[in-house]
Structure formats: structure tokens, C-alpha cells
N, C-alpha and C. Protein backbone atom coordinates (compact mmCIF):
# COMPACT_ATOMS: atom_id res chain seq x y z
N UNK A 1 -23.86 -12.69 13.34
CA UNK A 1 -24.62 -12.97 12.38
C UNK A 1 -24.33 -12.27 10.85
N UNK A 2 -23.93 -11.34 10.73
CA UNK A 2 -23.49 -11.38 9.28
C UNK A 2 -22.57 -12.56 8.98
N UNK A 3 -21.74 -12.78 9.61
CA UNK A 3 -20.51 -13.46 9.23
C UNK A 3 -20.98 -14.95 9.17
N UNK A 4 -22.23 -15.36 9.83
CA UNK A 4 -22.46 -16.59 9.69
C UNK A 4 -23.48 -16.45 8.11
N UNK A 5 -23.81 -15.48 7.81
CA UNK A 5 -24.93 -15.45 6.53
C UNK A 5 -23.96 -15.16 5.42
N UNK A 6 -22.69 -14.66 5.43
CA UNK A 6 -21.75 -14.54 4.25
C UNK A 6 -21.24 -15.95 4.19
N UNK A 7 -21.06 -16.69 5.20
CA UNK A 7 -20.51 -18.04 4.99
C UNK A 7 -21.39 -19.15 4.49
N UNK A 8 -22.73 -18.65 5.05
CA UNK A 8 -23.72 -19.68 3.94
C UNK A 8 -23.79 -19.11 2.77
N UNK A 9 -24.01 -17.95 2.08
CA UNK A 9 -24.42 -17.49 0.92
C UNK A 9 -23.24 -16.76 -0.04
N UNK A 10 -22.16 -17.08 0.25
CA UNK A 10 -20.81 -16.59 -0.57
C UNK A 10 -20.27 -17.41 -2.03
N UNK A 11 -20.72 -18.27 -1.86
CA UNK A 11 -20.67 -19.46 -2.67
C UNK A 11 -22.07 -19.44 -3.94
N UNK A 12 -23.08 -19.41 -3.38
CA UNK A 12 -24.27 -19.40 -3.96
C UNK A 12 -24.53 -18.08 -4.80
N UNK A 13 -24.16 -17.08 -3.83
CA UNK A 13 -24.33 -15.56 -4.52
C UNK A 13 -23.15 -15.27 -6.14
N UNK A 14 -22.17 -16.03 -5.85
CA UNK A 14 -21.05 -16.18 -6.97
C UNK A 14 -21.57 -16.78 -8.04
N UNK A 15 -22.12 -17.62 -7.96
CA UNK A 15 -22.39 -18.63 -8.81
C UNK A 15 -23.58 -17.93 -9.45
N UNK A 16 -24.49 -17.37 -8.82
CA UNK A 16 -25.54 -16.58 -9.38
C UNK A 16 -25.26 -15.39 -10.20
N UNK A 17 -24.12 -14.34 -9.44
CA UNK A 17 -23.33 -13.23 -10.36
C UNK A 17 -23.09 -14.02 -11.60
N UNK A 18 -22.16 -14.91 -11.94
CA UNK A 18 -21.53 -15.42 -13.29
C UNK A 18 -22.87 -16.09 -13.85
N UNK A 19 -23.54 -16.65 -13.40
CA UNK A 19 -24.76 -17.12 -14.40
C UNK A 19 -25.25 -15.79 -15.09
N UNK A 20 -25.35 -14.98 -14.30
CA UNK A 20 -26.47 -13.63 -14.60
C UNK A 20 -25.68 -12.83 -15.67
N UNK A 21 -24.18 -12.86 -15.55
CA UNK A 21 -23.18 -12.62 -16.64
C UNK A 21 -23.21 -13.42 -17.76
N UNK A 22 -23.26 -14.64 -17.75
CA UNK A 22 -23.17 -15.44 -18.77
C UNK A 22 -24.51 -15.40 -19.57
N UNK A 23 -25.67 -14.70 -18.78
CA UNK A 23 -27.16 -15.12 -19.55
C UNK A 23 -27.01 -13.44 -20.52
N UNK A 24 -26.33 -12.27 -19.78
CA UNK A 24 -26.52 -11.13 -20.52
C UNK A 24 -25.46 -11.08 -21.44
N UNK A 25 -24.45 -11.65 -21.36
CA UNK A 25 -23.38 -12.20 -22.42
C UNK A 25 -23.31 -12.75 -23.97
N UNK A 26 -24.80 -13.38 -23.43
CA UNK A 26 -25.71 -14.34 -24.40
C UNK A 26 -25.83 -13.63 -25.44
N UNK A 27 -26.79 -12.60 -24.71
CA UNK A 27 -28.01 -11.51 -25.21
C UNK A 27 -27.50 -10.63 -26.10
N UNK A 28 -26.14 -9.96 -25.83
CA UNK A 28 -25.44 -8.83 -25.92
C UNK A 28 -24.52 -9.20 -27.54
N UNK A 29 -24.20 -10.29 -27.85
CA UNK A 29 -23.29 -10.18 -28.94
C UNK A 29 -23.34 -11.81 -29.29
N UNK A 30 -22.11 -11.87 -30.18
CA UNK A 30 -21.96 -13.23 -31.10
C UNK A 30 -20.47 -13.20 -31.15
N UNK A 31 -20.28 -14.18 -31.13
CA UNK A 31 -18.54 -14.93 -31.29
C UNK A 31 -17.87 -15.08 -30.29
N UNK A 32 -17.40 -13.76 -29.35
CA UNK A 32 -16.62 -14.08 -28.30
C UNK A 32 -17.46 -13.77 -27.57
N UNK A 33 -18.73 -13.06 -27.61
CA UNK A 33 -19.71 -13.12 -26.44
C UNK A 33 -20.65 -14.37 -26.11
N UNK A 34 -20.63 -15.39 -27.02
CA UNK A 34 -21.27 -16.22 -27.24
C UNK A 34 -20.00 -17.76 -26.26
N UNK A 35 -18.89 -17.33 -26.45
CA UNK A 35 -17.96 -18.14 -26.03
C UNK A 35 -18.11 -17.80 -24.68
N UNK A 36 -17.98 -16.38 -24.36
CA UNK A 36 -17.96 -16.23 -22.86
C UNK A 36 -19.44 -16.71 -22.14
N UNK A 37 -20.74 -16.75 -22.86
CA UNK A 37 -21.63 -17.03 -21.93
C UNK A 37 -21.80 -18.76 -21.93
N UNK A 38 -20.80 -19.48 -22.73
CA UNK A 38 -20.92 -20.86 -22.42
C UNK A 38 -19.87 -20.94 -21.74
N UNK A 39 -18.89 -20.44 -21.22
CA UNK A 39 -17.75 -20.31 -20.34
C UNK A 39 -18.37 -20.51 -19.08
N UNK A 40 -19.06 -19.51 -18.89
CA UNK A 40 -19.79 -18.55 -17.49
C UNK A 40 -20.74 -19.61 -17.50
N UNK A 41 -21.73 -19.81 -17.83
CA UNK A 41 -22.76 -20.77 -17.88
C UNK A 41 -22.36 -22.38 -17.52
N UNK A 42 -21.53 -22.37 -17.78
CA UNK A 42 -20.69 -23.94 -17.55
C UNK A 42 -20.50 -24.51 -16.22
N UNK A 43 -20.02 -23.13 -15.44
CA UNK A 43 -19.51 -23.09 -14.11
C UNK A 43 -20.20 -23.67 -12.83
N UNK A 44 -21.64 -23.00 -12.80
CA UNK A 44 -22.28 -24.27 -12.16
C UNK A 44 -22.71 -25.23 -12.13
N UNK A 45 -22.83 -25.40 -13.26
CA UNK A 45 -23.00 -27.18 -14.09
C UNK A 45 -21.77 -27.97 -13.55
N UNK A 46 -20.14 -27.49 -13.47
CA UNK A 46 -19.41 -28.10 -13.17
C UNK A 46 -19.35 -28.22 -11.87
N UNK A 47 -19.72 -27.13 -11.01
CA UNK A 47 -20.13 -27.51 -9.34
C UNK A 47 -20.62 -28.32 -9.30
N UNK A 48 -21.95 -28.48 -9.86
CA UNK A 48 -22.54 -29.30 -9.28
C UNK A 48 -22.66 -30.65 -9.54
N UNK A 49 -21.66 -31.04 -10.88
CA UNK A 49 -20.56 -32.11 -11.19
C UNK A 49 -19.86 -32.66 -10.29
N UNK A 50 -19.34 -31.89 -9.73
CA UNK A 50 -18.19 -32.06 -8.69
C UNK A 50 -18.74 -32.53 -7.25
N UNK A 51 -19.88 -31.94 -7.11
CA UNK A 51 -20.39 -32.56 -5.75
C UNK A 51 -21.33 -33.50 -5.75
N UNK A 52 -21.76 -33.80 -6.95
CA UNK A 52 -22.10 -35.09 -7.22
C UNK A 52 -21.69 -36.17 -7.32
N UNK A 53 -20.69 -35.95 -8.28
CA UNK A 53 -19.64 -37.29 -7.99
C UNK A 53 -18.65 -37.54 -7.15
N UNK A 54 -18.63 -36.47 -6.29
CA UNK A 54 -17.57 -36.65 -5.10
C UNK A 54 -18.15 -35.84 -4.15
N UNK A 55 -19.19 -36.33 -3.35
CA UNK A 55 -19.75 -35.77 -2.25
C UNK A 55 -18.38 -35.52 -0.85
N UNK A 56 -19.11 -34.38 -0.38
CA UNK A 56 -18.44 -34.19 0.94
C UNK A 56 -18.96 -34.35 2.16
N UNK A 57 -18.53 -34.60 3.31
CA UNK A 57 -19.29 -34.87 4.18
C UNK A 57 -19.12 -36.42 4.99
N UNK A 58 -19.49 -36.29 6.18
CA UNK A 58 -19.31 -38.13 6.72
C UNK A 58 -20.33 -38.70 6.27
N UNK A 59 -20.11 -39.99 5.79
CA UNK A 59 -21.47 -40.78 5.75
C UNK A 59 -21.47 -41.86 7.13
N UNK A 60 -23.14 -41.69 7.78
CA UNK A 60 -22.85 -42.76 8.84
C UNK A 60 -22.94 -43.92 8.40
N UNK A 61 -22.68 -44.92 8.83
CA UNK A 61 -22.73 -46.59 8.52
C UNK A 61 -23.94 -46.85 9.41
N UNK A 62 -24.65 -47.70 8.21
CA UNK A 62 -25.97 -48.10 8.97
C UNK A 62 -25.63 -49.56 9.32
N UNK A 63 -26.81 -49.90 9.81
CA UNK A 63 -26.24 -50.77 11.19
C UNK A 63 -27.42 -51.94 10.69
């Protein structure tokens, strides 16, 4: 059961932690912190774009 949980939730949890770090760094300071926040907040967008442009899985032929 635990293995199944981590198999499903590993990537979403990592994306959530990265996003939270980006939001906190945006609030903490300027210059380097702003660059860090832009970098970390763009990661989930890049993941979304990757799967939107090139989806995985098999597509069934419509008859």
C-alpha cells in the first residue's frame, strides 16, 4: 500500500515543495531571491507544457 502511495504522489509532492519554495523566496527578498522564485515557479509550468505538448500513453484508434 505504501509503495503504491509513493508511486502515485512522488512527483506531485515534489512539485508542491518546489512551488512552496518559490512562493516563499518571492516573499523573502529581492534580486537573487526573485530569480530563484521565477526559476522554481516555472518548473511546474514546464512540466505541464511537456505533458500537454507530448502526452504519454497509448491512443486507441477510433473505428
